[in-house]
Amino acid sequence: MTTEQRRARILELEAELTRLRAEELADPAAAERYFEKVWHDLRLGLVMPMDEYKKFLDECREIKKSSPSLAMNHFRNKMEVTLEQTVGVIKRL
């Protein structure tokens, strides 16, 4: 893949990401679908019930207000997931 092709692909992906973010903001159900996807992707159903996970994410949101890195550590320690998964979840809170 040439540099120009990579740049074009990056622009396509950025446009898609922008569209998805706008869709999520416009449609509260889209945010809920994303939330459920994350929950299933991380297979947290084996770790805790969905209601407890939602409460836990609320805790993380509160912690994130003062320190995003503390929120990431809190999430990662409790869920025992990779840093990549943690960053994705915390960024969306």
PDB file of N, CA and C in Angstrom:
ATOM      1  N   MET A   1       0.851  -1.173   0.000  1.00  0.00           N
ATOM      2  CA  MET A   1       0.000   0.000   0.000  1.00  0.00           C
ATOM      3  C   MET A   1       0.902   1.243   0.000  1.00  0.00           C
ATOM      4  N   THR A   2       0.624   2.157  -0.897  1.00  0.00           N
ATOM      5  CA  THR A   2       1.445   3.364  -0.991  1.00  0.00           C
ATOM      6  C   THR A   2       1.053   4.355   0.099  1.00  0.00           C
ATOM      7  N   THR A   3       1.885   5.346   0.281  1.00  0.00           N
ATOM      8  CA  THR A   3       1.608   6.380   1.278  1.00  0.00           C
ATOM      9  C   THR A   3       0.287   7.078   0.976  1.00  0.00           C
ATOM     10  N   GLU A   4       0.039   7.372  -0.283  1.00  0.00           N
ATOM     11  CA  GLU A   4      -1.206   8.036  -0.667  1.00  0.00           C
ATOM     12  C   GLU A   4      -2.418   7.152  -0.375  1.00  0.00           C
ATOM     13  N   GLN A   5      -2.287   5.853  -0.628  1.00  0.00           N
ATOM     14  CA  GLN A   5      -3.384   4.923  -0.348  1.00  0.00           C
ATOM     15  C   GLN A   5      -3.645   4.843   1.154  1.00  0.00           C
ATOM     16  N   ARG A   6      -2.581   4.818   1.940  1.00  0.00           N
ATOM     17  CA  ARG A   6      -2.744   4.784   3.398  1.00  0.00           C
ATOM     18  C   ARG A   6      -3.434   6.049   3.888  1.00  0.00           C
ATOM     19  N   ARG A   7      -2.997   7.184   3.372  1.00  0.00           N
ATOM     20  CA  ARG A   7      -3.617   8.455   3.773  1.00  0.00           C
ATOM     21  C   ARG A   7      -5.092   8.485   3.397  1.00  0.00           C
ATOM     22  N   ALA A   8      -5.409   8.004   2.206  1.00  0.00           N
ATOM     23  CA  ALA A   8      -6.806   7.961   1.769  1.00  0.00           C
ATOM     24  C   ALA A   8      -7.623   7.048   2.677  1.00  0.00           C
ATOM     25  N   ARG A   9      -7.053   5.908   3.032  1.00  0.00           N
ATOM     26  CA  ARG A   9      -7.759   4.965   3.922  1.00  0.00           C
ATOM     27  C   ARG A   9      -7.961   5.571   5.300  1.00  0.00           C
ATOM     28  N   ILE A  10      -6.947   6.273   5.806  1.00  0.00           N
ATOM     29  CA  ILE A  10      -7.069   6.938   7.105  1.00  0.00           C
ATOM     30  C   ILE A  10      -8.187   7.971   7.061  1.00  0.00           C
ATOM     31  N   LEU A  11      -8.254   8.746   5.990  1.00  0.00           N
ATOM     32  CA  LEU A  11      -9.322   9.739   5.847  1.00  0.00           C
ATOM     33  C   LEU A  11     -10.693   9.072   5.802  1.00  0.00           C
ATOM     34  N   GLU A  12     -10.801   7.942   5.108  1.00  0.00           N
ATOM     35  CA  GLU A  12     -12.065   7.196   5.065  1.00  0.00           C
ATOM     36  C   GLU A  12     -12.470   6.743   6.461  1.00  0.00           C
ATOM     37  N   LEU A  13     -11.520   6.197   7.201  1.00  0.00           N
ATOM     38  CA  LEU A  13     -11.813   5.705   8.546  1.00  0.00           C
ATOM     39  C   LEU A  13     -12.171   6.847   9.495  1.00  0.00           C
ATOM     40  N   GLU A  14     -11.481   7.973   9.367  1.00  0.00           N
ATOM     41  CA  GLU A  14     -11.809   9.130  10.199  1.00  0.00           C
ATOM     42  C   GLU A  14     -13.213   9.641   9.894  1.00  0.00           C
ATOM     43  N   ALA A  15     -13.586   9.646   8.618  1.00  0.00           N
ATOM     44  CA  ALA A  15     -14.932  10.070   8.231  1.00  0.00           C
ATOM     45  C   ALA A  15     -15.978   9.116   8.802  1.00  0.00           C
ATOM     46  N   GLU A  16     -15.697   7.824   8.746  1.00  0.00           N
ATOM     47  CA  GLU A  16     -16.627   6.845   9.306  1.00  0.00           C
ATOM     48  C   GLU A  16     -16.755   7.010  10.816  1.00  0.00           C
ATOM     49  N   LEU A  17     -15.644   7.239  11.487  1.00  0.00           N
ATOM     50  CA  LEU A  17     -15.669   7.453  12.931  1.00  0.00           C
ATOM     51  C   LEU A  17     -16.474   8.700  13.280  1.00  0.00           C
ATOM     52  N   THR A  18     -16.283   9.769  12.532  1.00  0.00           N
ATOM     53  CA  THR A  18     -17.044  10.999  12.753  1.00  0.00           C
ATOM     54  C   THR A  18     -18.531  10.741  12.573  1.00  0.00           C
ATOM     55  N   ARG A  19     -18.876  10.002  11.531  1.00  0.00           N
ATOM     56  CA  ARG A  19     -20.288   9.675  11.281  1.00  0.00           C
ATOM     57  C   ARG A  19     -20.871   8.863  12.424  1.00  0.00           C
ATOM     58  N   LEU A  20     -20.119   7.867  12.893  1.00  0.00           N
ATOM     59  CA  LEU A  20     -20.608   7.021  13.976  1.00  0.00           C
ATOM     60  C   LEU A  20     -20.775   7.805  15.275  1.00  0.00           C
ATOM     61  N   ARG A  21     -19.845   8.704  15.548  1.00  0.00           N
ATOM     62  CA  ARG A  21     -19.965   9.531  16.757  1.00  0.00           C
ATOM     63  C   ARG A  21     -21.180  10.449  16.675  1.00  0.00           C
ATOM     64  N   ALA A  22     -21.409  11.046  15.507  1.00  0.00           N
ATOM     65  CA  ALA A  22     -22.575  11.908  15.324  1.00  0.00           C
ATOM     66  C   ALA A  22     -23.860  11.103  15.472  1.00  0.00           C
ATOM     67  N   GLU A  23     -23.871   9.912  14.924  1.00  0.00           N
ATOM     68  CA  GLU A  23     -25.030   9.025  15.032  1.00  0.00           C
ATOM     69  C   GLU A  23     -25.295   8.669  16.491  1.00  0.00           C
ATOM     70  N   GLU A  24     -24.233   8.399  17.225  1.00  0.00           N
ATOM     71  CA  GLU A  24     -24.378   8.044  18.631  1.00  0.00           C
ATOM     72  C   GLU A  24     -24.938   9.213  19.432  1.00  0.00           C
ATOM     73  N   LEU A  25     -24.473  10.436  19.145  1.00  0.00           N
ATOM     74  CA  LEU A  25     -24.970  11.611  19.857  1.00  0.00           C
ATOM     75  C   LEU A  25     -26.425  11.896  19.515  1.00  0.00           C
ATOM     76  N   ALA A  26     -26.796  11.669  18.264  1.00  0.00           N
ATOM     77  CA  ALA A  26     -28.162  11.932  17.822  1.00  0.00           C
ATOM     78  C   ALA A  26     -29.144  10.876  18.308  1.00  0.00           C
ATOM     79  N   ASP A  27     -28.669   9.685  18.559  1.00  0.00           N
ATOM     80  CA  ASP A  27     -29.542   8.567  18.910  1.00  0.00           C
ATOM     81  C   ASP A  27     -29.079   7.931  20.217  1.00  0.00           C
ATOM     82  N   PRO A  28     -29.778   8.227  21.335  1.00  0.00           N
ATOM     83  CA  PRO A  28     -29.374   7.633  22.611  1.00  0.00           C
ATOM     84  C   PRO A  28     -29.347   6.106  22.574  1.00  0.00           C
ATOM     85  N   ALA A  29     -30.170   5.512  21.742  1.00  0.00           N
ATOM     86  CA  ALA A  29     -30.179   4.051  21.639  1.00  0.00           C
ATOM     87  C   ALA A  29     -28.862   3.551  21.055  1.00  0.00           C
ATOM     88  N   ALA A  30     -28.217   4.362  20.213  1.00  0.00           N
ATOM     89  CA  ALA A  30     -26.921   3.967  19.652  1.00  0.00           C
ATOM     90  C   ALA A  30     -25.881   3.853  20.760  1.00  0.00           C
ATOM     91  N   ALA A  31     -25.931   4.783  21.712  1.00  0.00           N
ATOM     92  CA  ALA A  31     -25.008   4.714  22.845  1.00  0.00           C
ATOM     93  C   ALA A  31     -25.263   3.446  23.653  1.00  0.00           C
ATOM     94  N   GLU A  32     -26.518   3.093  23.827  1.00  0.00           N
ATOM     95  CA  GLU A  32     -26.854   1.871  24.565  1.00  0.00           C
ATOM     96  C   GLU A  32     -26.375   0.634  23.810  1.00  0.00           C
ATOM     97  N   ARG A  33     -26.523   0.642  22.484  1.00  0.00           N
ATOM     98  CA  ARG A  33     -26.036  -0.494  21.698  1.00  0.00           C
ATOM     99  C   ARG A  33     -24.518  -0.630  21.833  1.00  0.00           C
ATOM    100  N   TYR A  34     -23.819   0.503  21.818  1.00  0.00           N
ATOM    101  CA  TYR A  34     -22.365   0.459  21.988  1.00  0.00           C
ATOM    102  C   TYR A  34     -22.020  -0.108  23.363  1.00  0.00           C
ATOM    103  N   PHE A  35     -22.740   0.363  24.376  1.00  0.00           N
ATOM    104  CA  PHE A  35     -22.525  -0.103  25.743  1.00  0.00           C
ATOM    105  C   PHE A  35     -22.699  -1.622  25.818  1.00  0.00           C
ATOM    106  N   GLU A  36     -23.761  -2.138  25.224  1.00  0.00           N
ATOM    107  CA  GLU A  36     -24.005  -3.580  25.237  1.00  0.00           C
ATOM    108  C   GLU A  36     -22.924  -4.323  24.461  1.00  0.00           C
ATOM    109  N   LYS A  37     -22.470  -3.753  23.352  1.00  0.00           N
ATOM    110  CA  LYS A  37     -21.410  -4.388  22.565  1.00  0.00           C
ATOM    111  C   LYS A  37     -20.135  -4.498  23.391  1.00  0.00           C
ATOM    112  N   VAL A  38     -19.778  -3.428  24.078  1.00  0.00           N
ATOM    113  CA  VAL A  38     -18.575  -3.458  24.920  1.00  0.00           C
ATOM    114  C   VAL A  38     -18.731  -4.518  25.995  1.00  0.00           C
ATOM    115  N   TRP A  39     -19.903  -4.550  26.606  1.00  0.00           N
ATOM    116  CA  TRP A  39     -20.142  -5.513  27.683  1.00  0.00           C
ATOM    117  C   TRP A  39     -19.960  -6.931  27.166  1.00  0.00           C
ATOM    118  N   HIS A  40     -20.517  -7.212  26.004  1.00  0.00           N
ATOM    119  CA  HIS A  40     -20.393  -8.556  25.442  1.00  0.00           C
ATOM    120  C   HIS A  40     -18.993  -8.826  24.921  1.00  0.00           C
ATOM    121  N   ASP A  41     -18.384  -7.821  24.283  1.00  0.00           N
ATOM    122  CA  ASP A  41     -17.030  -8.007  23.750  1.00  0.00           C
ATOM    123  C   ASP A  41     -16.045  -8.358  24.848  1.00  0.00           C
ATOM    124  N   LEU A  42     -16.183  -7.744  25.984  1.00  0.00           N
ATOM    125  CA  LEU A  42     -15.266  -8.019  27.090  1.00  0.00           C
ATOM    126  C   LEU A  42     -15.678  -9.257  27.883  1.00  0.00           C
ATOM    127  N   ARG A  43     -16.811  -9.809  27.515  1.00  0.00           N
ATOM    128  CA  ARG A  43     -17.339 -11.000  28.186  1.00  0.00           C
ATOM    129  C   ARG A  43     -17.489 -10.793  29.683  1.00  0.00           C
ATOM    130  N   LEU A  44     -17.986  -9.618  30.021  1.00  0.00           N
ATOM    131  CA  LEU A  44     -18.136  -9.291  31.432  1.00  0.00           C
ATOM    132  C   LEU A  44     -19.352  -9.969  32.046  1.00  0.00           C
ATOM    133  N   GLY A  45     -20.169 -10.566  31.213  1.00  0.00           N
ATOM    134  CA  GLY A  45     -21.296 -11.311  31.749  1.00  0.00           C
ATOM    135  C   GLY A  45     -20.839 -12.414  32.683  1.00  0.00           C
ATOM    136  N   LEU A  46     -19.623 -12.894  32.485  1.00  0.00           N
ATOM    137  CA  LEU A  46     -19.079 -13.923  33.363  1.00  0.00           C
ATOM    138  C   LEU A  46     -18.523 -13.324  34.644  1.00  0.00           C
ATOM    139  N   VAL A  47     -18.221 -12.032  34.616  1.00  0.00           N
ATOM    140  CA  VAL A  47     -17.609 -11.377  35.763  1.00  0.00           C
ATOM    141  C   VAL A  47     -18.662 -10.762  36.671  1.00  0.00           C
ATOM    142  N   MET A  48     -19.645 -10.097  36.078  1.00  0.00           N
ATOM    143  CA  MET A  48     -20.683  -9.441  36.871  1.00  0.00           C
ATOM    144  C   MET A  48     -21.935  -9.249  36.024  1.00  0.00           C
ATOM    145  N   PRO A  49     -23.077  -9.129  36.679  1.00  0.00           N
ATOM    146  CA  PRO A  49     -24.322  -8.877  35.945  1.00  0.00           C
ATOM    147  C   PRO A  49     -24.293  -7.497  35.276  1.00  0.00           C
ATOM    148  N   MET A  50     -25.100  -7.326  34.262  1.00  0.00           N
ATOM    149  CA  MET A  50     -25.144  -6.081  33.499  1.00  0.00           C
ATOM    150  C   MET A  50     -25.453  -4.879  34.393  1.00  0.00           C
ATOM    151  N   ASP A  51     -26.385  -5.017  35.335  1.00  0.00           N
ATOM    152  CA  ASP A  51     -26.729  -3.892  36.214  1.00  0.00           C
ATOM    153  C   ASP A  51     -25.529  -3.451  37.044  1.00  0.00           C
ATOM    154  N   GLU A  52     -24.787  -4.412  37.562  1.00  0.00           N
ATOM    155  CA  GLU A  52     -23.593  -4.078  38.339  1.00  0.00           C
ATOM    156  C   GLU A  52     -22.553  -3.416  37.453  1.00  0.00           C
ATOM    157  N   TYR A  53     -22.442  -3.878  36.221  1.00  0.00           N
ATOM    158  CA  TYR A  53     -21.489  -3.279  35.279  1.00  0.00           C
ATOM    159  C   TYR A  53     -21.855  -1.822  35.009  1.00  0.00           C
ATOM    160  N   LYS A  54     -23.154  -1.534  34.839  1.00  0.00           N
ATOM    161  CA  LYS A  54     -23.584  -0.152  34.622  1.00  0.00           C
ATOM    162  C   LYS A  54     -23.239   0.718  35.826  1.00  0.00           C
ATOM    163  N   LYS A  55     -23.461   0.209  37.026  1.00  0.00           N
ATOM    164  CA  LYS A  55     -23.102   0.957  38.238  1.00  0.00           C
ATOM    165  C   LYS A  55     -21.594   1.181  38.301  1.00  0.00           C
ATOM    166  N   PHE A  56     -20.850   0.156  37.944  1.00  0.00           N
ATOM    167  CA  PHE A  56     -19.396   0.267  37.942  1.00  0.00           C
ATOM    168  C   PHE A  56     -18.936   1.334  36.946  1.00  0.00           C
ATOM    169  N   LEU A  57     -19.562   1.379  35.764  1.00  0.00           N
ATOM    170  CA  LEU A  57     -19.203   2.410  34.785  1.00  0.00           C
ATOM    171  C   LEU A  57     -19.550   3.802  35.294  1.00  0.00           C
ATOM    172  N   ASP A  58     -20.633   3.922  36.052  1.00  0.00           N
ATOM    173  CA  ASP A  58     -20.959   5.213  36.661  1.00  0.00           C
ATOM    174  C   ASP A  58     -19.850   5.648  37.619  1.00  0.00           C
ATOM    175  N   GLU A  59     -19.329   4.699  38.398  1.00  0.00           N
ATOM    176  CA  GLU A  59     -18.195   4.996  39.285  1.00  0.00           C
ATOM    177  C   GLU A  59     -17.011   5.491  38.464  1.00  0.00           C
ATOM    178  N   CYS A  60     -16.729   4.793  37.382  1.00  0.00           N
ATOM    179  CA  CYS A  60     -15.595   5.167  36.527  1.00  0.00           C
ATOM    180  C   CYS A  60     -15.783   6.560  35.937  1.00  0.00           C
ATOM    181  N   ARG A  61     -17.033   6.900  35.568  1.00  0.00           N
ATOM    182  CA  ARG A  61     -17.311   8.241  35.034  1.00  0.00           C
ATOM    183  C   ARG A  61     -16.979   9.314  36.065  1.00  0.00           C
ATOM    184  N   GLU A  62     -17.386   9.066  37.298  1.00  0.00           N
ATOM    185  CA  GLU A  62     -17.111  10.029  38.367  1.00  0.00           C
ATOM    186  C   GLU A  62     -15.612  10.176  38.597  1.00  0.00           C
ATOM    187  N   ILE A  63     -14.907   9.071  38.617  1.00  0.00           N
ATOM    188  CA  ILE A  63     -13.456   9.113  38.817  1.00  0.00           C
ATOM    189  C   ILE A  63     -12.785   9.826  37.649  1.00  0.00           C
ATOM    190  N   LYS A  64     -13.291   9.589  36.439  1.00  0.00           N
ATOM    191  CA  LYS A  64     -12.703  10.190  35.233  1.00  0.00           C
ATOM    192  C   LYS A  64     -12.762  11.712  35.275  1.00  0.00           C
ATOM    193  N   LYS A  65     -13.793  12.258  35.933  1.00  0.00           N
ATOM    194  CA  LYS A  65     -13.917  13.715  36.015  1.00  0.00           C
ATOM    195  C   LYS A  65     -12.697  14.342  36.685  1.00  0.00           C
ATOM    196  N   SER A  66     -12.149  13.652  37.675  1.00  0.00           N
ATOM    197  CA  SER A  66     -10.976  14.201  38.364  1.00  0.00           C
ATOM    198  C   SER A  66      -9.669  13.674  37.794  1.00  0.00           C
ATOM    199  N   SER A  67      -9.679  12.415  37.330  1.00  0.00           N
ATOM    200  CA  SER A  67      -8.436  11.840  36.813  1.00  0.00           C
ATOM    201  C   SER A  67      -8.724  10.674  35.868  1.00  0.00           C
ATOM    202  N   PRO A  68      -8.586  10.896  34.570  1.00  0.00           N
ATOM    203  CA  PRO A  68      -8.805   9.807  33.613  1.00  0.00           C
ATOM    204  C   PRO A  68      -7.887   8.607  33.847  1.00  0.00           C
ATOM    205  N   SER A  69      -6.661   8.857  34.257  1.00  0.00           N
ATOM    206  CA  SER A  69      -5.741   7.730  34.477  1.00  0.00           C
ATOM    207  C   SER A  69      -6.177   6.890  35.676  1.00  0.00           C
ATOM    208  N   LEU A  70      -6.703   7.534  36.713  1.00  0.00           N
ATOM    209  CA  LEU A  70      -7.225   6.764  37.849  1.00  0.00           C
ATOM    210  C   LEU A  70      -8.441   5.941  37.434  1.00  0.00           C
ATOM    211  N   ALA A  71      -9.279   6.516  36.578  1.00  0.00           N
ATOM    212  CA  ALA A  71     -10.453   5.781  36.087  1.00  0.00           C
ATOM    213  C   ALA A  71     -10.014   4.558  35.292  1.00  0.00           C
ATOM    214  N   MET A  72      -8.974   4.725  34.470  1.00  0.00           N
ATOM    215  CA  MET A  72      -8.475   3.583  33.695  1.00  0.00           C
ATOM    216  C   MET A  72      -7.907   2.514  34.618  1.00  0.00           C
ATOM    217  N   ASN A  73      -7.152   2.929  35.609  1.00  0.00           N
ATOM    218  CA  ASN A  73      -6.596   1.952  36.556  1.00  0.00           C
ATOM    219  C   ASN A  73      -7.698   1.227  37.315  1.00  0.00           C
ATOM    220  N   HIS A  74      -8.706   1.983  37.752  1.00  0.00           N
ATOM    221  CA  HIS A  74      -9.826   1.392  38.488  1.00  0.00           C
ATOM    222  C   HIS A  74     -10.532   0.345  37.625  1.00  0.00           C
ATOM    223  N   PHE A  75     -10.820   0.708  36.371  1.00  0.00           N
ATOM    224  CA  PHE A  75     -11.505  -0.210  35.461  1.00  0.00           C
ATOM    225  C   PHE A  75     -10.652  -1.442  35.190  1.00  0.00           C
ATOM    226  N   ARG A  76      -9.408  -1.197  34.870  1.00  0.00           N
ATOM    227  CA  ARG A  76      -8.510  -2.299  34.495  1.00  0.00           C
ATOM    228  C   ARG A  76      -8.284  -3.269  35.654  1.00  0.00           C
ATOM    229  N   ASN A  77      -8.106  -2.740  36.855  1.00  0.00           N
ATOM    230  CA  ASN A  77      -7.886  -3.608  38.014  1.00  0.00           C
ATOM    231  C   ASN A  77      -9.113  -4.452  38.333  1.00  0.00           C
ATOM    232  N   LYS A  78     -10.275  -3.841  38.248  1.00  0.00           N
ATOM    233  CA  LYS A  78     -11.509  -4.563  38.583  1.00  0.00           C
ATOM    234  C   LYS A  78     -11.868  -5.599  37.511  1.00  0.00           C
ATOM    235  N   MET A  79     -11.715  -5.213  36.238  1.00  0.00           N
ATOM    236  CA  MET A  79     -12.160  -6.075  35.147  1.00  0.00           C
ATOM    237  C   MET A  79     -11.095  -7.034  34.647  1.00  0.00           C
ATOM    238  N   GLU A  80      -9.845  -6.752  34.973  1.00  0.00           N
ATOM    239  CA  GLU A  80      -8.736  -7.596  34.522  1.00  0.00           C
ATOM    240  C   GLU A  80      -8.748  -7.754  32.998  1.00  0.00           C
ATOM    241  N   VAL A  81      -8.788  -6.607  32.318  1.00  0.00           N
ATOM    242  CA  VAL A  81      -8.760  -6.582  30.855  1.00  0.00           C
ATOM    243  C   VAL A  81      -7.488  -5.880  30.394  1.00  0.00           C
ATOM    244  N   THR A  82      -7.250  -5.905  29.093  1.00  0.00           N
ATOM    245  CA  THR A  82      -6.045  -5.281  28.554  1.00  0.00           C
ATOM    246  C   THR A  82      -6.159  -3.761  28.605  1.00  0.00           C
ATOM    247  N   LEU A  83      -5.019  -3.119  28.504  1.00  0.00           N
ATOM    248  CA  LEU A  83      -4.996  -1.657  28.488  1.00  0.00           C
ATOM    249  C   LEU A  83      -5.752  -1.123  27.274  1.00  0.00           C
ATOM    250  N   GLU A  84      -5.620  -1.786  26.149  1.00  0.00           N
ATOM    251  CA  GLU A  84      -6.314  -1.358  24.931  1.00  0.00           C
ATOM    252  C   GLU A  84      -7.831  -1.365  25.132  1.00  0.00           C
ATOM    253  N   GLN A  85      -8.354  -2.418  25.740  1.00  0.00           N
ATOM    254  CA  GLN A  85      -9.788  -2.484  26.010  1.00  0.00           C
ATOM    255  C   GLN A  85     -10.190  -1.399  27.002  1.00  0.00           C
ATOM    256  N   THR A  86      -9.355  -1.191  28.005  1.00  0.00           N
ATOM    257  CA  THR A  86      -9.645  -0.191  29.026  1.00  0.00           C
ATOM    258  C   THR A  86      -9.715   1.202  28.420  1.00  0.00           C
ATOM    259  N   VAL A  87      -8.743   1.541  27.604  1.00  0.00           N
ATOM    260  CA  VAL A  87      -8.707   2.870  26.984  1.00  0.00           C
ATOM    261  C   VAL A  87      -9.961   3.092  26.150  1.00  0.00           C
ATOM    262  N   GLY A  88     -10.362   2.087  25.385  1.00  0.00           N
ATOM    263  CA  GLY A  88     -11.564   2.207  24.561  1.00  0.00           C
ATOM    264  C   GLY A  88     -12.811   2.482  25.375  1.00  0.00           C
ATOM    265  N   VAL A  89     -12.947   1.813  26.499  1.00  0.00           N
ATOM    266  CA  VAL A  89     -14.127   2.002  27.344  1.00  0.00           C
ATOM    267  C   VAL A  89     -14.089   3.364  28.016  1.00  0.00           C
ATOM    268  N   ILE A  90     -12.972   3.716  28.621  1.00  0.00           N
ATOM    269  CA  ILE A  90     -12.881   4.969  29.373  1.00  0.00           C
ATOM    270  C   ILE A  90     -13.029   6.182  28.454  1.00  0.00           C
ATOM    271  N   LYS A  91     -12.514   6.112  27.252  1.00  0.00           N
ATOM    272  CA  LYS A  91     -12.676   7.228  26.310  1.00  0.00           C
ATOM    273  C   LYS A  91     -14.142   7.477  26.004  1.00  0.00           C
ATOM    274  N   ARG A  92     -14.943   6.435  25.995  1.00  0.00           N
ATOM    275  CA  ARG A  92     -16.358   6.567  25.638  1.00  0.00           C
ATOM    276  C   ARG A  92     -17.238   7.013  26.799  1.00  0.00           C
ATOM    277  N   LEU A  93     -16.700   7.040  27.994  1.00  0.00           N
ATOM    278  CA  LEU A  93     -17.512   7.446  29.150  1.00  0.00           C
ATOM    279  C   LEU A  93     -17.743   8.940  29.158  1.00  0.00           C
TER     280      LEU A  93
END
